[in-house]
Protein backbone atom coordinates (compact mmCIF):
# COMPACT_ATOMS: atom_id res chain seq x y z
CA MET A 1 218.20 158.19 14.35
CA THR A 2 217.36 157.25 10.83
CA PHE A 3 213.87 156.22 9.83
CA THR A 4 212.25 154.20 7.14
CA GLU A 5 208.86 154.70 5.40
CA ARG A 6 206.70 151.88 4.37
CA TYR A 7 203.07 151.20 3.60
CA VAL A 8 200.82 149.34 5.93
CA HIS A 9 197.58 148.15 4.19
CA THR A 10 194.44 147.99 6.29
CA GLY A 11 192.51 146.00 3.64
CA LYS A 12 190.83 149.21 2.57
CA VAL A 13 193.69 151.76 2.23
CA ALA A 14 197.51 151.84 2.26
CA LEU A 15 198.78 154.11 4.96
CA ASN A 16 202.25 155.52 4.87
CA VAL A 17 204.19 154.98 8.13
CA ALA A 18 207.43 156.44 9.21
CA GLU A 19 209.28 154.04 11.61
CA TRP A 20 212.40 154.26 13.76
CA GLU A 21 214.30 151.38 15.17
CA ALA A 22 213.64 150.76 18.88
CA PRO A 23 216.43 152.15 21.06
CA THR A 24 216.08 149.11 23.39
CA PRO A 25 214.30 145.80 23.27
CA GLY A 26 210.75 146.18 24.50
CA ALA A 27 210.74 149.95 24.26
CA LEU A 28 207.33 151.62 24.63
CA PRO A 29 205.67 151.98 21.21
CA VAL A 30 204.67 155.56 20.49
CA VAL A 31 202.44 156.49 17.56
CA LEU A 32 202.25 160.02 16.28
CA ILE A 33 199.06 161.23 14.42
CA HIS A 34 199.03 164.50 12.65
CA GLY A 35 196.23 167.10 12.13
CA TYR A 36 194.16 168.20 9.15
CA ALA A 37 196.03 169.21 5.86
CA SER A 38 199.21 167.91 7.35
CA SER A 39 201.41 164.79 7.31
CA TRP A 40 203.70 162.99 9.69
CA LEU A 41 206.35 165.58 8.77
CA THR A 42 204.69 168.09 11.26
CA TRP A 43 206.32 166.06 14.04
CA GLY A 44 209.89 166.65 12.60
CA ARG A 45 211.08 168.74 15.40
CA VAL A 46 210.50 165.94 17.99
CA THR A 47 211.08 162.72 16.16
CA ASP A 48 214.84 162.47 16.43
CA LYS A 49 214.70 162.79 20.27
CA LEU A 50 211.62 160.73 20.86
CA SER A 51 213.09 158.01 18.67
CA THR A 52 215.95 157.64 21.33
CA MET A 53 213.37 156.91 24.07
CA PHE A 54 210.62 154.97 22.32
CA LYS A 55 209.80 152.67 19.61
CA LEU A 56 208.51 155.46 17.30
CA PHE A 57 205.96 155.51 14.53
CA ALA A 58 204.27 158.37 12.70
CA ILE A 59 201.38 157.91 10.41
CA ASP A 60 199.94 159.73 7.46
CA LEU A 61 196.18 159.84 7.67
CA ARG A 62 194.07 158.79 4.76
CA GLY A 63 193.92 161.48 2.09
CA MET A 64 197.02 163.23 3.39
CA GLY A 65 200.71 162.79 3.03
CA ARG A 66 201.68 159.68 1.05
CA SER A 67 198.74 157.65 2.26
CA GLY A 68 195.96 156.47 0.05
CA ARG A 69 193.28 158.93 -1.08
CA TRP A 70 190.04 159.83 0.79
CA GLY A 71 187.64 158.75 -1.81
CA ASN A 72 184.05 160.13 -2.35
CA GLY A 73 181.51 158.87 0.16
CA SER A 74 184.05 158.34 2.96
CA GLU A 75 183.07 159.53 6.43
CA ARG A 76 185.31 161.06 9.20
CA GLN A 77 184.87 157.90 11.29
CA ILE A 78 187.12 156.05 8.93
CA TYR A 79 190.17 157.73 10.33
CA PRO A 80 190.10 155.95 13.74
CA ASP A 81 188.99 152.77 12.02
CA ASP A 82 192.11 153.05 9.90
CA ILE A 83 194.39 153.58 12.86
CA ALA A 84 192.86 150.84 14.89
CA THR A 85 193.33 148.40 12.05
CA ALA A 86 196.93 149.52 11.49
CA LEU A 87 198.12 149.40 15.19
CA PRO A 88 198.29 145.65 15.52
CA LEU A 89 200.28 145.49 12.25
CA LEU A 90 202.89 147.81 13.75
CA THR A 91 203.25 146.42 17.29
CA ASP A 92 202.03 143.65 19.54
CA GLN A 93 202.15 146.01 22.58
CA PRO A 94 199.56 148.62 23.68
CA ALA A 95 200.93 151.94 22.37
CA LEU A 96 201.06 155.55 23.56
CA LEU A 97 199.15 157.55 21.02
CA ALA A 98 199.88 161.32 20.51
CA GLY A 99 197.45 163.18 18.29
CA HIS A 100 197.42 166.77 17.23
CA SER A 101 194.31 168.70 16.19
CA LEU A 102 192.16 166.43 14.04
CA GLY A 103 194.63 163.80 15.06
CA GLY A 104 193.72 164.35 18.67
CA TRP A 105 190.10 163.39 18.02
CA VAL A 106 191.30 160.40 16.07
CA THR A 107 193.54 159.41 18.89
CA ALA A 108 190.65 159.85 21.50
CA ALA A 109 188.26 157.77 19.32
CA VAL A 110 190.79 154.90 19.13
CA ALA A 111 191.38 154.88 22.90
CA SER A 112 187.68 155.06 23.57
CA ARG A 113 186.68 152.28 21.19
CA HIS A 114 189.76 149.93 21.29
CA PRO A 115 191.11 150.31 24.79
CA LYS A 116 193.38 147.20 24.51
CA LEU A 117 195.41 148.83 21.72
CA VAL A 118 196.19 151.91 23.76
CA SER A 119 198.32 152.43 26.94
CA ARG A 120 198.27 156.25 27.20
CA VAL A 121 197.06 159.21 25.16
CA MET A 122 198.49 162.63 24.51
CA LEU A 123 196.08 165.15 23.03
CA VAL A 124 197.88 168.08 21.57
CA ASP A 125 195.53 171.09 21.13
CA PRO A 126 192.90 168.57 19.96
CA TYR A 127 189.75 169.08 18.04
CA THR A 128 186.97 168.21 20.41
CA GLY A 129 183.67 169.06 18.48
CA ALA A 130 181.23 171.85 18.15
CA GLN A 131 182.66 173.86 21.02
CA SER A 132 186.19 174.00 19.61
CA GLU A 133 187.37 177.22 18.17
CA VAL A 134 187.55 175.35 14.87
CA GLY A 135 183.73 175.69 14.64
CA LYS A 136 183.78 179.36 14.94
CA ARG A 137 186.52 179.85 12.38
CA ALA A 138 184.76 177.53 9.94
CA ARG A 139 181.59 179.60 10.21
CA ILE A 140 183.52 182.65 9.23
CA GLU A 141 185.10 181.08 6.13
CA ARG A 142 182.72 180.74 3.20
CA HIS A 143 182.24 177.41 1.52
CA GLU A 144 183.12 179.03 -1.79
CA GLN A 145 186.58 179.89 -0.36
CA ARG A 146 187.15 176.16 0.46
CA LEU A 147 186.04 175.14 -3.01
CA LYS A 148 188.40 177.60 -4.62
CA ARG A 149 191.30 176.31 -2.43
CA ALA A 150 190.39 172.69 -3.51
CA GLU A 151 190.69 173.76 -7.11
CA GLN A 152 194.00 175.39 -6.43
CA ILE A 153 195.32 172.13 -4.88
CA LYS A 154 193.90 170.04 -7.67
CA SER A 155 195.51 172.12 -10.43
CA ALA A 156 198.92 172.36 -8.74
CA ARG A 157 201.79 170.46 -10.56
CA THR A 158 204.43 171.07 -7.85
CA PRO A 159 204.37 172.11 -4.29
CA ASP A 160 205.90 175.41 -5.34
CA ASP A 161 202.63 176.24 -7.22
CA LEU A 162 200.85 176.44 -3.84
CA ILE A 163 203.29 178.88 -2.15
CA PRO A 164 201.06 181.99 -3.00
CA LEU A 165 198.07 180.17 -1.42
CA ILE A 166 200.22 179.38 1.80
CA GLU A 167 201.62 182.86 1.93
CA ALA A 168 198.12 184.36 1.83
CA ARG A 169 196.80 182.00 4.57
CA TYR A 170 199.75 182.19 6.82
CA ALA A 171 200.99 185.80 6.59
CA GLY A 172 204.31 186.33 8.23
CA ALA A 173 205.34 182.56 8.34
CA ALA A 174 208.98 181.74 7.83
CA GLU A 175 210.01 180.62 4.34
CA SER A 176 210.88 177.05 5.61
CA SER A 177 207.39 176.85 7.11
CA ILE A 178 205.75 178.02 3.96
CA ARG A 179 207.55 175.45 1.89
CA ARG A 180 206.73 172.66 4.30
CA LEU A 181 203.04 173.66 4.33
CA ALA A 182 203.01 173.90 0.52
CA ARG A 183 204.17 170.33 0.30
CA MET A 184 201.64 169.22 2.80
CA TYR A 185 198.86 170.93 0.91
CA PHE A 186 200.13 169.48 -2.40
CA GLU A 187 199.80 166.08 -0.93
CA LEU A 188 196.24 166.76 0.43
CA ASP A 189 193.46 165.03 -1.37
CA PRO A 190 191.38 168.13 -2.74
CA VAL A 191 188.14 166.13 -2.14
CA LEU A 192 188.77 166.58 1.55
CA GLU A 193 189.04 170.34 1.13
CA ALA A 194 185.92 170.58 -0.98
CA GLY A 195 183.72 168.51 1.29
CA ARG A 196 184.87 169.24 4.78
CA LEU A 197 182.30 168.31 7.43
CA ASN A 198 180.59 171.01 9.36
CA PRO A 199 182.21 171.13 12.88
CA SER A 200 178.78 171.73 14.39
CA ASP A 201 177.67 168.28 13.28
CA ASP A 202 177.74 166.06 16.41
CA PHE A 203 178.70 163.11 14.16
CA ASP A 204 180.76 161.25 16.74
CA GLN A 205 179.06 162.08 20.02
CA PHE A 206 182.07 163.66 21.67
CA GLU A 207 180.97 163.59 25.24
CA SER A 208 180.41 159.91 25.35
CA LEU A 209 183.56 159.20 23.37
CA LEU A 210 185.77 161.26 25.73
CA ALA A 211 184.14 159.90 28.84
CA ALA A 212 184.74 156.31 27.76
CA ILE A 213 188.58 156.68 27.64
CA GLU A 214 190.00 154.56 30.43
CA CYS A 215 193.78 155.04 30.15
CA PRO A 216 195.74 158.11 31.40
CA VAL A 217 195.47 161.20 29.16
CA LEU A 218 197.69 164.24 28.99
CA ILE A 219 196.28 167.28 27.26
CA ILE A 220 198.55 170.00 26.05
CA ARG A 221 196.89 173.13 24.68
CA GLY A 222 197.93 176.49 23.28
CA ASN A 223 196.43 179.91 23.55
CA VAL A 224 193.29 180.69 21.56
CA GLU A 225 194.47 184.31 21.01
CA LYS A 226 197.59 182.87 19.31
CA GLY A 227 195.73 180.35 17.14
CA GLY A 228 194.97 177.56 19.59
CA ILE A 229 191.58 175.77 19.45
CA MET A 230 190.79 175.01 22.99
CA SER A 231 189.42 177.78 25.09
CA ASP A 232 189.62 177.75 28.91
CA GLU A 233 186.05 176.65 29.11
CA GLU A 234 186.53 173.91 26.53
CA ALA A 235 189.63 172.59 28.23
CA GLU A 236 187.80 172.58 31.58
CA ARG A 237 184.98 170.63 30.01
CA VAL A 238 187.13 167.99 28.38
CA VAL A 239 189.19 167.44 31.52
CA ASP A 240 185.98 166.90 33.48
CA LEU A 241 184.76 164.43 30.87
CA ILE A 242 187.94 162.17 30.80
CA PRO A 243 188.26 160.34 34.09
CA ASN A 244 192.07 160.01 34.20
CA SER A 245 193.25 163.18 32.59
CA ARG A 246 195.34 166.21 33.36
CA LEU A 247 195.99 169.51 31.51
CA LEU A 248 199.15 171.51 30.47
CA SER A 249 198.35 175.00 29.31
CA TRP A 250 201.15 176.80 27.24
CA PRO A 251 199.93 180.41 26.94
CA LYS A 252 202.77 181.70 24.79
CA VAL A 253 202.09 179.26 21.89
CA GLY A 254 199.26 178.68 19.41
CA HIS A 255 197.85 175.58 17.85
CA SER A 256 201.05 173.62 17.49
CA PRO A 257 202.64 173.24 20.94
CA HIS A 258 204.84 170.30 19.71
CA ILE A 259 206.45 172.68 17.16
CA ALA A 260 206.67 175.97 19.12
CA ARG A 261 207.97 174.26 22.42
CA SER A 262 209.44 171.11 21.05
CA HIS A 263 211.87 170.59 23.87
CA ASP A 264 209.16 171.00 26.39
CA PHE A 265 206.92 168.70 24.47
CA ILE A 266 209.65 165.91 24.50
CA ARG A 267 210.15 166.33 28.23
CA ALA A 268 206.43 166.20 28.79
CA ALA A 269 206.20 163.01 26.77
CA LYS A 270 209.02 161.35 28.58
CA ARG A 271 207.53 162.18 32.02
CA PHE A 272 204.08 161.09 31.02
CA ALA A 273 205.23 157.75 29.63
CA ALA A 274 207.19 157.07 32.95
CA GLU A 275 204.21 157.76 35.29
């Protein structure tokens, strides 16, 4: 199905939203929220099919994709604030939110703090705080490397200028993936890359946030050895924290289950929405 893109203004930032026509009147609204250094295009393998089942939206987070820039002095909490403000402008029904990676934390925060806006939650290999594999990897990467990458993004004049950067970071990736990632990095606000928060900072009190989610939650995770960011121990901890949650583990995929197993992801979303 065809989609349109438009801006929704929260009063503080313009967020780019892709929107598909509802397949039937009153169809369940589903909102897709991408991860760091990405855009709504990361959901491209599942949107066509999902749009035949749901009233579908996909949002570019602030500082990424075509949404407004991050801005110096902003804090990570602004992401769920943006989404919570945008949701009533998109639909008058509680929505199913699906968030990948950083978008998983954003989704969890919205569900925890604004329960009337959310009917169900899908957390796709989500970022869950200091015990996530993200923290270990961030400690390996030097701050100087991130600053250098920020300068490369800032100086790029076209997405193609960033292809060498992407090839170096994602060795062995297919050409189509490299070009898609280059576009996403080109659209990334370099301020974000230069000033990324330390994952060890317990800035959002993850345990109380997750424990406060009241709606049903489906967690889909990949394999840490293949690039996933939820270890067995972390997955068990998160499931224990969220009262009404269950876990799907896909050991043959890495950090992007919705891409690597797109058909299975669509089936899982359909079943979860119907429960």
